[in-house]
Amino acid sequence: QFLDRFYMSRIGIRMLIGQHVELHNPNP
């Protein structure tokens, strides 16, 4: 149960960071 929660939360954190960073891409 911990690993399920942990990995789901990790996906959320990486998605938030990745989305913000990728919005700077001049050629999406």
mmCIF file of all heavy atoms, coordinates in Angstrom:
data_MODEL
# 
_entry.id   MODEL 
# 
loop_
_atom_site.group_PDB 
_atom_site.id 
_atom_site.type_symbol 
_atom_site.label_atom_id 
_atom_site.label_alt_id 
_atom_site.label_comp_id 
_atom_site.label_asym_id 
_atom_site.label_entity_id 
_atom_site.label_seq_id 
_atom_site.pdbx_PDB_ins_code 
_atom_site.Cartn_x 
_atom_site.Cartn_y 
_atom_site.Cartn_z 
_atom_site.occupancy 
_atom_site.B_iso_or_equiv 
_atom_site.pdbx_formal_charge 
_atom_site.auth_seq_id 
_atom_site.auth_comp_id 
_atom_site.auth_asym_id 
_atom_site.auth_atom_id 
_atom_site.pdbx_PDB_model_num 
ATOM 1   N N   . GLN A 1 1  ? 0.832  -1.206 0.000   1.00 0.00 ? 1  GLN A N   1 
ATOM 2   C CA  . GLN A 1 1  ? 0.000  0.000  0.000   1.00 0.00 ? 1  GLN A CA  1 
ATOM 3   C C   . GLN A 1 1  ? 0.866  1.255  0.000   1.00 0.00 ? 1  GLN A C   1 
ATOM 4   O O   . GLN A 1 1  ? 0.565  2.222  -0.700  1.00 0.00 ? 1  GLN A O   1 
ATOM 5   C CB  . GLN A 1 1  ? -0.932 -0.005 1.218   1.00 0.00 ? 1  GLN A CB  1 
ATOM 6   C CG  . GLN A 1 1  ? -2.038 -1.045 1.134   1.00 0.00 ? 1  GLN A CG  1 
ATOM 7   C CD  . GLN A 1 1  ? -2.762 -1.232 2.451   1.00 0.00 ? 1  GLN A CD  1 
ATOM 8   O OE1 . GLN A 1 1  ? -2.628 -0.427 3.381   1.00 0.00 ? 1  GLN A OE1 1 
ATOM 9   N NE2 . GLN A 1 1  ? -3.550 -2.294 2.549   1.00 0.00 ? 1  GLN A NE2 1 
ATOM 10  N N   . PHE A 1 2  ? 1.951  1.229  0.785   1.00 0.00 ? 2  PHE A N   1 
ATOM 11  C CA  . PHE A 1 2  ? 2.860  2.372  0.791   1.00 0.00 ? 2  PHE A CA  1 
ATOM 12  C C   . PHE A 1 2  ? 3.441  2.611  -0.599  1.00 0.00 ? 2  PHE A C   1 
ATOM 13  O O   . PHE A 1 2  ? 3.464  3.737  -1.098  1.00 0.00 ? 2  PHE A O   1 
ATOM 14  C CB  . PHE A 1 2  ? 4.004  2.159  1.781   1.00 0.00 ? 2  PHE A CB  1 
ATOM 15  C CG  . PHE A 1 2  ? 5.221  2.983  1.447   1.00 0.00 ? 2  PHE A CG  1 
ATOM 16  C CD1 . PHE A 1 2  ? 5.212  4.360  1.634   1.00 0.00 ? 2  PHE A CD1 1 
ATOM 17  C CD2 . PHE A 1 2  ? 6.341  2.392  0.885   1.00 0.00 ? 2  PHE A CD2 1 
ATOM 18  C CE1 . PHE A 1 2  ? 6.320  5.136  1.290   1.00 0.00 ? 2  PHE A CE1 1 
ATOM 19  C CE2 . PHE A 1 2  ? 7.452  3.157  0.544   1.00 0.00 ? 2  PHE A CE2 1 
ATOM 20  C CZ  . PHE A 1 2  ? 7.435  4.531  0.744   1.00 0.00 ? 2  PHE A CZ  1 
ATOM 21  N N   . LEU A 1 3  ? 3.939  1.546  -1.249  1.00 0.00 ? 3  LEU A N   1 
ATOM 22  C CA  . LEU A 1 3  ? 4.560  1.707  -2.566  1.00 0.00 ? 3  LEU A CA  1 
ATOM 23  C C   . LEU A 1 3  ? 3.556  2.234  -3.588  1.00 0.00 ? 3  LEU A C   1 
ATOM 24  O O   . LEU A 1 3  ? 3.897  3.074  -4.422  1.00 0.00 ? 3  LEU A O   1 
ATOM 25  C CB  . LEU A 1 3  ? 5.160  0.380  -3.035  1.00 0.00 ? 3  LEU A CB  1 
ATOM 26  C CG  . LEU A 1 3  ? 6.399  -0.088 -2.262  1.00 0.00 ? 3  LEU A CG  1 
ATOM 27  C CD1 . LEU A 1 3  ? 6.794  -1.492 -2.676  1.00 0.00 ? 3  LEU A CD1 1 
ATOM 28  C CD2 . LEU A 1 3  ? 7.570  0.875  -2.470  1.00 0.00 ? 3  LEU A CD2 1 
ATOM 29  N N   . ASP A 1 4  ? 2.304  1.754  -3.516  1.00 0.00 ? 4  ASP A N   1 
ATOM 30  C CA  . ASP A 1 4  ? 1.273  2.267  -4.427  1.00 0.00 ? 4  ASP A CA  1 
ATOM 31  C C   . ASP A 1 4  ? 1.084  3.773  -4.240  1.00 0.00 ? 4  ASP A C   1 
ATOM 32  O O   . ASP A 1 4  ? 1.072  4.531  -5.209  1.00 0.00 ? 4  ASP A O   1 
ATOM 33  C CB  . ASP A 1 4  ? -0.064 1.546  -4.183  1.00 0.00 ? 4  ASP A CB  1 
ATOM 34  C CG  . ASP A 1 4  ? -0.077 0.132  -4.742  1.00 0.00 ? 4  ASP A CG  1 
ATOM 35  O OD1 . ASP A 1 4  ? 0.814  -0.198 -5.550  1.00 0.00 ? 4  ASP A OD1 1 
ATOM 36  O OD2 . ASP A 1 4  ? -0.975 -0.643 -4.361  1.00 0.00 ? 4  ASP A OD2 1 
ATOM 37  N N   . ARG A 1 5  ? 0.934  4.190  -2.981  1.00 0.00 ? 5  ARG A N   1 
ATOM 38  C CA  . ARG A 1 5  ? 0.758  5.626  -2.690  1.00 0.00 ? 5  ARG A CA  1 
ATOM 39  C C   . ARG A 1 5  ? 1.987  6.421  -3.118  1.00 0.00 ? 5  ARG A C   1 
ATOM 40  O O   . ARG A 1 5  ? 1.883  7.491  -3.716  1.00 0.00 ? 5  ARG A O   1 
ATOM 41  C CB  . ARG A 1 5  ? 0.536  5.853  -1.187  1.00 0.00 ? 5  ARG A CB  1 
ATOM 42  C CG  . ARG A 1 5  ? -0.812 5.480  -0.650  1.00 0.00 ? 5  ARG A CG  1 
ATOM 43  C CD  . ARG A 1 5  ? -1.026 6.093  0.734   1.00 0.00 ? 5  ARG A CD  1 
ATOM 44  N NE  . ARG A 1 5  ? 0.073  5.861  1.663   1.00 0.00 ? 5  ARG A NE  1 
ATOM 45  C CZ  . ARG A 1 5  ? 0.199  4.778  2.420   1.00 0.00 ? 5  ARG A CZ  1 
ATOM 46  N NH1 . ARG A 1 5  ? -0.692 3.807  2.355   1.00 0.00 ? 5  ARG A NH1 1 
ATOM 47  N NH2 . ARG A 1 5  ? 1.222  4.650  3.253   1.00 0.00 ? 5  ARG A NH2 1 
ATOM 48  N N   . PHE A 1 6  ? 3.132  5.886  -2.780  1.00 0.00 ? 6  PHE A N   1 
ATOM 49  C CA  . PHE A 1 6  ? 4.396  6.587  -3.026  1.00 0.00 ? 6  PHE A CA  1 
ATOM 50  C C   . PHE A 1 6  ? 4.605  6.815  -4.518  1.00 0.00 ? 6  PHE A C   1 
ATOM 51  O O   . PHE A 1 6  ? 4.938  7.929  -4.965  1.00 0.00 ? 6  PHE A O   1 
ATOM 52  C CB  . PHE A 1 6  ? 5.542  5.773  -2.432  1.00 0.00 ? 6  PHE A CB  1 
ATOM 53  C CG  . PHE A 1 6  ? 6.871  6.468  -2.482  1.00 0.00 ? 6  PHE A CG  1 
ATOM 54  C CD1 . PHE A 1 6  ? 7.203  7.421  -1.528  1.00 0.00 ? 6  PHE A CD1 1 
ATOM 55  C CD2 . PHE A 1 6  ? 7.789  6.183  -3.476  1.00 0.00 ? 6  PHE A CD2 1 
ATOM 56  C CE1 . PHE A 1 6  ? 8.435  8.073  -1.560  1.00 0.00 ? 6  PHE A CE1 1 
ATOM 57  C CE2 . PHE A 1 6  ? 9.021  6.821  -3.522  1.00 0.00 ? 6  PHE A CE2 1 
ATOM 58  C CZ  . PHE A 1 6  ? 9.338  7.774  -2.561  1.00 0.00 ? 6  PHE A CZ  1 
ATOM 59  N N   . TYR A 1 7  ? 4.402  5.774  -5.316  1.00 0.00 ? 7  TYR A N   1 
ATOM 60  C CA  . TYR A 1 7  ? 4.632  5.906  -6.762  1.00 0.00 ? 7  TYR A CA  1 
ATOM 61  C C   . TYR A 1 7  ? 3.571  6.781  -7.425  1.00 0.00 ? 7  TYR A C   1 
ATOM 62  O O   . TYR A 1 7  ? 3.878  7.522  -8.361  1.00 0.00 ? 7  TYR A O   1 
ATOM 63  C CB  . TYR A 1 7  ? 4.683  4.522  -7.420  1.00 0.00 ? 7  TYR A CB  1 
ATOM 64  C CG  . TYR A 1 7  ? 5.907  3.719  -7.046  1.00 0.00 ? 7  TYR A CG  1 
ATOM 65  C CD1 . TYR A 1 7  ? 5.828  2.345  -6.851  1.00 0.00 ? 7  TYR A CD1 1 
ATOM 66  C CD2 . TYR A 1 7  ? 7.155  4.323  -6.872  1.00 0.00 ? 7  TYR A CD2 1 
ATOM 67  C CE1 . TYR A 1 7  ? 6.957  1.604  -6.501  1.00 0.00 ? 7  TYR A CE1 1 
ATOM 68  C CE2 . TYR A 1 7  ? 8.282  3.592  -6.518  1.00 0.00 ? 7  TYR A CE2 1 
ATOM 69  C CZ  . TYR A 1 7  ? 8.170  2.241  -6.339  1.00 0.00 ? 7  TYR A CZ  1 
ATOM 70  O OH  . TYR A 1 7  ? 9.279  1.511  -5.984  1.00 0.00 ? 7  TYR A OH  1 
ATOM 71  N N   . MET A 1 8  ? 2.329  6.694  -6.948  1.00 0.00 ? 8  MET A N   1 
ATOM 72  C CA  . MET A 1 8  ? 1.291  7.572  -7.510  1.00 0.00 ? 8  MET A CA  1 
ATOM 73  C C   . MET A 1 8  ? 1.611  9.032  -7.215  1.00 0.00 ? 8  MET A C   1 
ATOM 74  O O   . MET A 1 8  ? 1.469  9.904  -8.079  1.00 0.00 ? 8  MET A O   1 
ATOM 75  C CB  . MET A 1 8  ? -0.088 7.212  -6.935  1.00 0.00 ? 8  MET A CB  1 
ATOM 76  C CG  . MET A 1 8  ? -0.690 5.953  -7.535  1.00 0.00 ? 8  MET A CG  1 
ATOM 77  S SD  . MET A 1 8  ? -0.966 6.083  -9.317  1.00 0.00 ? 8  MET A SD  1 
ATOM 78  C CE  . MET A 1 8  ? -2.261 7.326  -9.364  1.00 0.00 ? 8  MET A CE  1 
ATOM 79  N N   . SER A 1 9  ? 2.046  9.312  -5.989  1.00 0.00 ? 9  SER A N   1 
ATOM 80  C CA  . SER A 1 9  ? 2.402  10.683 -5.625  1.00 0.00 ? 9  SER A CA  1 
ATOM 81  C C   . SER A 1 9  ? 3.600  11.156 -6.441  1.00 0.00 ? 9  SER A C   1 
ATOM 82  O O   . SER A 1 9  ? 3.659  12.303 -6.880  1.00 0.00 ? 9  SER A O   1 
ATOM 83  C CB  . SER A 1 9  ? 2.725  10.768 -4.136  1.00 0.00 ? 9  SER A CB  1 
ATOM 84  O OG  . SER A 1 9  ? 3.235  12.046 -3.819  1.00 0.00 ? 9  SER A OG  1 
ATOM 85  N N   . ARG A 1 10 ? 4.561  10.251 -6.658  1.00 0.00 ? 10 ARG A N   1 
ATOM 86  C CA  . ARG A 1 10 ? 5.740  10.605 -7.454  1.00 0.00 ? 10 ARG A CA  1 
ATOM 87  C C   . ARG A 1 10 ? 5.334  11.001 -8.873  1.00 0.00 ? 10 ARG A C   1 
ATOM 88  O O   . ARG A 1 10 ? 5.843  11.972 -9.431  1.00 0.00 ? 10 ARG A O   1 
ATOM 89  C CB  . ARG A 1 10 ? 6.703  9.409  -7.491  1.00 0.00 ? 10 ARG A CB  1 
ATOM 90  C CG  . ARG A 1 10 ? 7.947  9.649  -8.351  1.00 0.00 ? 10 ARG A CG  1 
ATOM 91  C CD  . ARG A 1 10 ? 8.882  8.452  -8.273  1.00 0.00 ? 10 ARG A CD  1 
ATOM 92  N NE  . ARG A 1 10 ? 10.108 8.715  -9.024  1.00 0.00 ? 10 ARG A NE  1 
ATOM 93  C CZ  . ARG A 1 10 ? 10.273 8.426  -10.299 1.00 0.00 ? 10 ARG A CZ  1 
ATOM 94  N NH1 . ARG A 1 10 ? 9.294  7.875  -10.988 1.00 0.00 ? 10 ARG A NH1 1 
ATOM 95  N NH2 . ARG A 1 10 ? 11.430 8.686  -10.900 1.00 0.00 ? 10 ARG A NH2 1 
ATOM 96  N N   . ILE A 1 11 ? 4.392  10.246 -9.458  1.00 0.00 ? 11 ILE A N   1 
ATOM 97  C CA  . ILE A 1 11 ? 3.900  10.585 -10.798 1.00 0.00 ? 11 ILE A CA  1 
ATOM 98  C C   . ILE A 1 11 ? 3.301  11.988 -10.792 1.00 0.00 ? 11 ILE A C   1 
ATOM 99  O O   . ILE A 1 11 ? 3.535  12.786 -11.698 1.00 0.00 ? 11 ILE A O   1 
ATOM 100 C CB  . ILE A 1 11 ? 2.862  9.550  -11.277 1.00 0.00 ? 11 ILE A CB  1 
ATOM 101 C CG1 . ILE A 1 11 ? 3.562  8.215  -11.573 1.00 0.00 ? 11 ILE A CG1 1 
ATOM 102 C CG2 . ILE A 1 11 ? 2.124  10.051 -12.526 1.00 0.00 ? 11 ILE A CG2 1 
ATOM 103 C CD1 . ILE A 1 11 ? 2.604  7.060  -11.801 1.00 0.00 ? 11 ILE A CD1 1 
ATOM 104 N N   . GLY A 1 12 ? 2.528  12.305 -9.732  1.00 0.00 ? 12 GLY A N   1 
ATOM 105 C CA  . GLY A 1 12 ? 1.905  13.631 -9.643  1.00 0.00 ? 12 GLY A CA  1 
ATOM 106 C C   . GLY A 1 12 ? 2.934  14.747 -9.578  1.00 0.00 ? 12 GLY A C   1 
ATOM 107 O O   . GLY A 1 12 ? 2.822  15.765 -10.274 1.00 0.00 ? 12 GLY A O   1 
ATOM 108 N N   . ILE A 1 13 ? 3.963  14.570 -8.744  1.00 0.00 ? 13 ILE A N   1 
ATOM 109 C CA  . ILE A 1 13 ? 5.014  15.586 -8.607  1.00 0.00 ? 13 ILE A CA  1 
ATOM 110 C C   . ILE A 1 13 ? 5.739  15.778 -9.934  1.00 0.00 ? 13 ILE A C   1 
ATOM 111 O O   . ILE A 1 13 ? 5.970  16.899 -10.387 1.00 0.00 ? 13 ILE A O   1 
ATOM 112 C CB  . ILE A 1 13 ? 6.004  15.183 -7.492  1.00 0.00 ? 13 ILE A CB  1 
ATOM 113 C CG1 . ILE A 1 13 ? 5.331  15.287 -6.111  1.00 0.00 ? 13 ILE A CG1 1 
ATOM 114 C CG2 . ILE A 1 13 ? 7.254  16.073 -7.531  1.00 0.00 ? 13 ILE A CG2 1 
ATOM 115 C CD1 . ILE A 1 13 ? 6.150  14.671 -4.983  1.00 0.00 ? 13 ILE A CD1 1 
ATOM 116 N N   . ARG A 1 14 ? 6.094  14.651 -10.587 1.00 0.00 ? 14 ARG A N   1 
ATOM 117 C CA  . ARG A 1 14 ? 6.846  14.739 -11.848 1.00 0.00 ? 14 ARG A CA  1 
ATOM 118 C C   . ARG A 1 14 ? 5.991  15.331 -12.961 1.00 0.00 ? 14 ARG A C   1 
ATOM 119 O O   . ARG A 1 14 ? 6.484  16.032 -13.844 1.00 0.00 ? 14 ARG A O   1 
ATOM 120 C CB  . ARG A 1 14 ? 7.378  13.366 -12.241 1.00 0.00 ? 14 ARG A CB  1 
ATOM 121 C CG  . ARG A 1 14 ? 8.456  12.877 -11.286 1.00 0.00 ? 14 ARG A CG  1 
ATOM 122 C CD  . ARG A 1 14 ? 8.997  11.507 -11.646 1.00 0.00 ? 14 ARG A CD  1 
ATOM 123 N NE  . ARG A 1 14 ? 9.895  11.542 -12.789 1.00 0.00 ? 14 ARG A NE  1 
ATOM 124 C CZ  . ARG A 1 14 ? 11.161 11.937 -12.733 1.00 0.00 ? 14 ARG A CZ  1 
ATOM 125 N NH1 . ARG A 1 14 ? 11.683 12.366 -11.585 1.00 0.00 ? 14 ARG A NH1 1 
ATOM 126 N NH2 . ARG A 1 14 ? 11.917 11.904 -13.808 1.00 0.00 ? 14 ARG A NH2 1 
ATOM 127 N N   . MET A 1 15 ? 4.692  15.058 -12.904 1.00 0.00 ? 15 MET A N   1 
ATOM 128 C CA  . MET A 1 15 ? 3.783  15.623 -13.909 1.00 0.00 ? 15 MET A CA  1 
ATOM 129 C C   . MET A 1 15 ? 3.691  17.143 -13.746 1.00 0.00 ? 15 MET A C   1 
ATOM 130 O O   . MET A 1 15 ? 3.750  17.888 -14.739 1.00 0.00 ? 15 MET A O   1 
ATOM 131 C CB  . MET A 1 15 ? 2.392  14.993 -13.764 1.00 0.00 ? 15 MET A CB  1 
ATOM 132 C CG  . MET A 1 15 ? 1.379  15.456 -14.791 1.00 0.00 ? 15 MET A CG  1 
ATOM 133 S SD  . MET A 1 15 ? 1.769  14.826 -16.438 1.00 0.00 ? 15 MET A SD  1 
ATOM 134 C CE  . MET A 1 15 ? 0.637  15.807 -17.433 1.00 0.00 ? 15 MET A CE  1 
ATOM 135 N N   . LEU A 1 16 ? 3.565  17.615 -12.510 1.00 0.00 ? 16 LEU A N   1 
ATOM 136 C CA  . LEU A 1 16 ? 3.473  19.060 -12.272 1.00 0.00 ? 16 LEU A CA  1 
ATOM 137 C C   . LEU A 1 16 ? 4.751  19.771 -12.730 1.00 0.00 ? 16 LEU A C   1 
ATOM 138 O O   . LEU A 1 16 ? 4.689  20.810 -13.404 1.00 0.00 ? 16 LEU A O   1 
ATOM 139 C CB  . LEU A 1 16 ? 3.235  19.334 -10.787 1.00 0.00 ? 16 LEU A CB  1 
ATOM 140 C CG  . LEU A 1 16 ? 1.844  19.003 -10.237 1.00 0.00 ? 16 LEU A CG  1 
ATOM 141 C CD1 . LEU A 1 16 ? 1.808  19.200 -8.732  1.00 0.00 ? 16 LEU A CD1 1 
ATOM 142 C CD2 . LEU A 1 16 ? 0.768  19.844 -10.906 1.00 0.00 ? 16 LEU A CD2 1 
ATOM 143 N N   . ILE A 1 17 ? 5.914  19.210 -12.363 1.00 0.00 ? 17 ILE A N   1 
ATOM 144 C CA  . ILE A 1 17 ? 7.175  19.835 -12.769 1.00 0.00 ? 17 ILE A CA  1 
ATOM 145 C C   . ILE A 1 17 ? 7.340  19.749 -14.284 1.00 0.00 ? 17 ILE A C   1 
ATOM 146 O O   . ILE A 1 17 ? 7.654  20.744 -14.947 1.00 0.00 ? 17 ILE A O   1 
ATOM 147 C CB  . ILE A 1 17 ? 8.374  19.158 -12.072 1.00 0.00 ? 17 ILE A CB  1 
ATOM 148 C CG1 . ILE A 1 17 ? 8.323  19.403 -10.560 1.00 0.00 ? 17 ILE A CG1 1 
ATOM 149 C CG2 . ILE A 1 17 ? 9.694  19.673 -12.645 1.00 0.00 ? 17 ILE A CG2 1 
ATOM 150 C CD1 . ILE A 1 17 ? 9.412  18.665 -9.775  1.00 0.00 ? 17 ILE A CD1 1 
ATOM 151 N N   . GLY A 1 18 ? 7.121  18.550 -14.829 1.00 0.00 ? 18 GLY A N   1 
ATOM 152 C CA  . GLY A 1 18 ? 7.321  18.353 -16.267 1.00 0.00 ? 18 GLY A CA  1 
ATOM 153 C C   . GLY A 1 18 ? 6.410  19.217 -17.105 1.00 0.00 ? 18 GLY A C   1 
ATOM 154 O O   . GLY A 1 18 ? 6.830  19.757 -18.142 1.00 0.00 ? 18 GLY A O   1 
ATOM 155 N N   . GLN A 1 19 ? 5.165  19.373 -16.677 1.00 0.00 ? 19 GLN A N   1 
ATOM 156 C CA  . GLN A 1 19 ? 4.221  20.204 -17.426 1.00 0.00 ? 19 GLN A CA  1 
ATOM 157 C C   . GLN A 1 19 ? 4.693  21.654 -17.454 1.00 0.00 ? 19 GLN A C   1 
ATOM 158 O O   . GLN A 1 19 ? 4.689  22.301 -18.504 1.00 0.00 ? 19 GLN A O   1 
ATOM 159 C CB  . GLN A 1 19 ? 2.824  20.100 -16.788 1.00 0.00 ? 19 GLN A CB  1 
ATOM 160 C CG  . GLN A 1 19 ? 1.754  20.952 -17.459 1.00 0.00 ? 19 GLN A CG  1 
ATOM 161 C CD  . GLN A 1 19 ? 1.341  20.445 -18.829 1.00 0.00 ? 19 GLN A CD  1 
ATOM 162 O OE1 . GLN A 1 19 ? 1.832  19.421 -19.285 1.00 0.00 ? 19 GLN A OE1 1 
ATOM 163 N NE2 . GLN A 1 19 ? 0.451  21.161 -19.487 1.00 0.00 ? 19 GLN A NE2 1 
ATOM 164 N N   . HIS A 1 20 ? 5.118  22.172 -16.310 1.00 0.00 ? 20 HIS A N   1 
ATOM 165 C CA  . HIS A 1 20 ? 5.591  23.558 -16.254 1.00 0.00 ? 20 HIS A CA  1 
ATOM 166 C C   . HIS A 1 20 ? 6.826  23.748 -17.128 1.00 0.00 ? 20 HIS A C   1 
ATOM 167 O O   . HIS A 1 20 ? 6.901  24.707 -17.906 1.00 0.00 ? 20 HIS A O   1 
ATOM 168 C CB  . HIS A 1 20 ? 5.910  23.955 -14.812 1.00 0.00 ? 20 HIS A CB  1 
ATOM 169 C CG  . HIS A 1 20 ? 6.448  25.348 -14.688 1.00 0.00 ? 20 HIS A CG  1 
ATOM 170 N ND1 . HIS A 1 20 ? 5.627  26.464 -14.670 1.00 0.00 ? 20 HIS A ND1 1 
ATOM 171 C CD2 . HIS A 1 20 ? 7.717  25.824 -14.614 1.00 0.00 ? 20 HIS A CD2 1 
ATOM 172 C CE1 . HIS A 1 20 ? 6.381  27.551 -14.586 1.00 0.00 ? 20 HIS A CE1 1 
ATOM 173 N NE2 . HIS A 1 20 ? 7.647  27.183 -14.547 1.00 0.00 ? 20 HIS A NE2 1 
ATOM 174 N N   . VAL A 1 21 ? 7.772  22.829 -17.026 1.00 0.00 ? 21 VAL A N   1 
ATOM 175 C CA  . VAL A 1 21 ? 9.009  22.941 -17.803 1.00 0.00 ? 21 VAL A CA  1 
ATOM 176 C C   . VAL A 1 21 ? 8.704  22.873 -19.303 1.00 0.00 ? 21 VAL A C   1 
ATOM 177 O O   . VAL A 1 21 ? 9.236  23.659 -20.100 1.00 0.00 ? 21 VAL A O   1 
ATOM 178 C CB  . VAL A 1 21 ? 10.002 21.821 -17.401 1.00 0.00 ? 21 VAL A CB  1 
ATOM 179 C CG1 . VAL A 1 21 ? 11.170 21.760 -18.378 1.00 0.00 ? 21 VAL A CG1 1 
ATOM 180 C CG2 . VAL A 1 21 ? 10.510 22.050 -15.979 1.00 0.00 ? 21 VAL A CG2 1 
ATOM 181 N N   . GLU A 1 22 ? 7.829  21.958 -19.686 1.00 0.00 ? 22 GLU A N   1 
ATOM 182 C CA  . GLU A 1 22 ? 7.557  21.737 -21.112 1.00 0.00 ? 22 GLU A CA  1 
ATOM 183 C C   . GLU A 1 22 ? 6.819  22.923 -21.743 1.00 0.00 ? 22 GLU A C   1 
ATOM 184 O O   . GLU A 1 22 ? 6.922  23.153 -22.952 1.00 0.00 ? 22 GLU A O   1 
ATOM 185 C CB  . GLU A 1 22 ? 6.737  20.449 -21.284 1.00 0.00 ? 22 GLU A CB  1 
ATOM 186 C CG  . GLU A 1 22 ? 6.579  19.980 -22.722 1.00 0.00 ? 22 GLU A CG  1 
ATOM 187 C CD  . GLU A 1 22 ? 7.893  19.705 -23.433 1.00 0.00 ? 22 GLU A CD  1 
ATOM 188 O OE1 . GLU A 1 22 ? 8.882  19.352 -22.760 1.00 0.00 ? 22 GLU A OE1 1 
ATOM 189 O OE2 . GLU A 1 22 ? 7.933  19.838 -24.676 1.00 0.00 ? 22 GLU A OE2 1 
ATOM 190 N N   . LEU A 1 23 ? 6.111  23.700 -20.928 1.00 0.00 ? 23 LEU A N   1 
ATOM 191 C CA  . LEU A 1 23 ? 5.423  24.885 -21.467 1.00 0.00 ? 23 LEU A CA  1 
ATOM 192 C C   . LEU A 1 23 ? 6.407  25.932 -21.976 1.00 0.00 ? 23 LEU A C   1 
ATOM 193 O O   . LEU A 1 23 ? 6.019  26.859 -22.685 1.00 0.00 ? 23 LEU A O   1 
ATOM 194 C CB  . LEU A 1 23 ? 4.496  25.498 -20.407 1.00 0.00 ? 23 LEU A CB  1 
ATOM 195 C CG  . LEU A 1 23 ? 3.266  24.662 -20.041 1.00 0.00 ? 23 LEU A CG  1 
ATOM 196 C CD1 . LEU A 1 23 ? 2.462  25.343 -18.943 1.00 0.00 ? 23 LEU A CD1 1 
ATOM 197 C CD2 . LEU A 1 23 ? 2.382  24.411 -21.259 1.00 0.00 ? 23 LEU A CD2 1 
ATOM 198 N N   . HIS A 1 24 ? 7.687  25.789 -21.627 1.00 0.00 ? 24 HIS A N   1 
ATOM 199 C CA  . HIS A 1 24 ? 8.719  26.707 -22.125 1.00 0.00 ? 24 HIS A CA  1 
ATOM 200 C C   . HIS A 1 24 ? 9.261  26.280 -23.488 1.00 0.00 ? 24 HIS A C   1 
ATOM 201 O O   . HIS A 1 24 ? 10.046 27.012 -24.094 1.00 0.00 ? 24 HIS A O   1 
ATOM 202 C CB  . HIS A 1 24 ? 9.894  26.779 -21.142 1.00 0.00 ? 24 HIS A CB  1 
ATOM 203 C CG  . HIS A 1 24 ? 9.570  27.500 -19.871 1.00 0.00 ? 24 HIS A CG  1 
ATOM 204 N ND1 . HIS A 1 24 ? 8.816  26.939 -18.872 1.00 0.00 ? 24 HIS A ND1 1 
ATOM 205 C CD2 . HIS A 1 24 ? 9.892  28.753 -19.443 1.00 0.00 ? 24 HIS A CD2 1 
ATOM 206 C CE1 . HIS A 1 24 ? 8.689  27.800 -17.877 1.00 0.00 ? 24 HIS A CE1 1 
ATOM 207 N NE2 . HIS A 1 24 ? 9.331  28.901 -18.188 1.00 0.00 ? 24 HIS A NE2 1 
ATOM 208 N N   . ASN A 1 25 ? 8.874  25.086 -23.938 1.00 0.00 ? 25 ASN A N   1 
ATOM 209 C CA  . ASN A 1 25 ? 9.388  24.561 -25.208 1.00 0.00 ? 25 ASN A CA  1 
ATOM 210 C C   . ASN A 1 25 ? 8.879  25.411 -26.363 1.00 0.00 ? 25 ASN A C   1 
ATOM 211 O O   . ASN A 1 25 ? 7.669  25.474 -26.597 1.00 0.00 ? 25 ASN A O   1 
ATOM 212 C CB  . ASN A 1 25 ? 8.945  23.104 -25.379 1.00 0.00 ? 25 ASN A CB  1 
ATOM 213 C CG  . ASN A 1 25 ? 9.577  22.450 -26.589 1.00 0.00 ? 25 ASN A CG  1 
ATOM 214 O OD1 . ASN A 1 25 ? 10.207 23.110 -27.422 1.00 0.00 ? 25 ASN A OD1 1 
ATOM 215 N ND2 . ASN A 1 25 ? 9.409  21.143 -26.695 1.00 0.00 ? 25 ASN A ND2 1 
ATOM 216 N N   . PRO A 1 26 ? 9.786  26.083 -27.105 1.00 0.00 ? 26 PRO A N   1 
ATOM 217 C CA  . PRO A 1 26 ? 9.327  26.940 -28.206 1.00 0.00 ? 26 PRO A CA  1 
ATOM 218 C C   . PRO A 1 26 ? 8.775  26.149 -29.391 1.00 0.00 ? 26 PRO A C   1 
ATOM 219 O O   . PRO A 1 26 ? 8.026  26.674 -30.205 1.00 0.00 ? 26 PRO A O   1 
ATOM 220 C CB  . PRO A 1 26 ? 10.594 27.705 -28.620 1.00 0.00 ? 26 PRO A CB  1 
ATOM 221 C CG  . PRO A 1 26 ? 11.730 26.840 -28.165 1.00 0.00 ? 26 PRO A CG  1 
ATOM 222 C CD  . PRO A 1 26 ? 11.248 26.088 -26.960 1.00 0.00 ? 26 PRO A CD  1 
ATOM 223 N N   . ASN A 1 27 ? 9.149  24.854 -29.485 1.00 0.00 ? 27 ASN A N   1 
ATOM 224 C CA  . ASN A 1 27 ? 8.669  24.010 -30.590 1.00 0.00 ? 27 ASN A CA  1 
ATOM 225 C C   . ASN A 1 27 ? 8.055  22.728 -30.043 1.00 0.00 ? 27 ASN A C   1 
ATOM 226 O O   . ASN A 1 27 ? 8.650  21.644 -30.147 1.00 0.00 ? 27 ASN A O   1 
ATOM 227 C CB  . ASN A 1 27 ? 9.833  23.657 -31.532 1.00 0.00 ? 27 ASN A CB  1 
ATOM 228 C CG  . ASN A 1 27 ? 10.470 24.906 -32.131 1.00 0.00 ? 27 ASN A CG  1 
ATOM 229 O OD1 . ASN A 1 27 ? 9.803  25.701 -32.775 1.00 0.00 ? 27 ASN A OD1 1 
ATOM 230 N ND2 . ASN A 1 27 ? 11.766 25.071 -31.893 1.00 0.00 ? 27 ASN A ND2 1 
ATOM 231 N N   . PRO A 1 28 ? 6.860  22.835 -29.453 1.00 0.00 ? 28 PRO A N   1 
ATOM 232 C CA  . PRO A 1 28 ? 6.245  21.640 -28.877 1.00 0.00 ? 28 PRO A CA  1 
ATOM 233 C C   . PRO A 1 28 ? 5.895  20.626 -29.963 1.00 0.00 ? 28 PRO A C   1 
ATOM 234 O O   . PRO A 1 28 ? 5.621  21.005 -31.104 1.00 0.00 ? 28 PRO A O   1 
ATOM 235 C CB  . PRO A 1 28 ? 4.982  22.183 -28.204 1.00 0.00 ? 28 PRO A CB  1 
ATOM 236 C CG  . PRO A 1 28 ? 4.682  23.469 -28.887 1.00 0.00 ? 28 PRO A CG  1 
ATOM 237 C CD  . PRO A 1 28 ? 5.995  24.027 -29.327 1.00 0.00 ? 28 PRO A CD  1 
# 
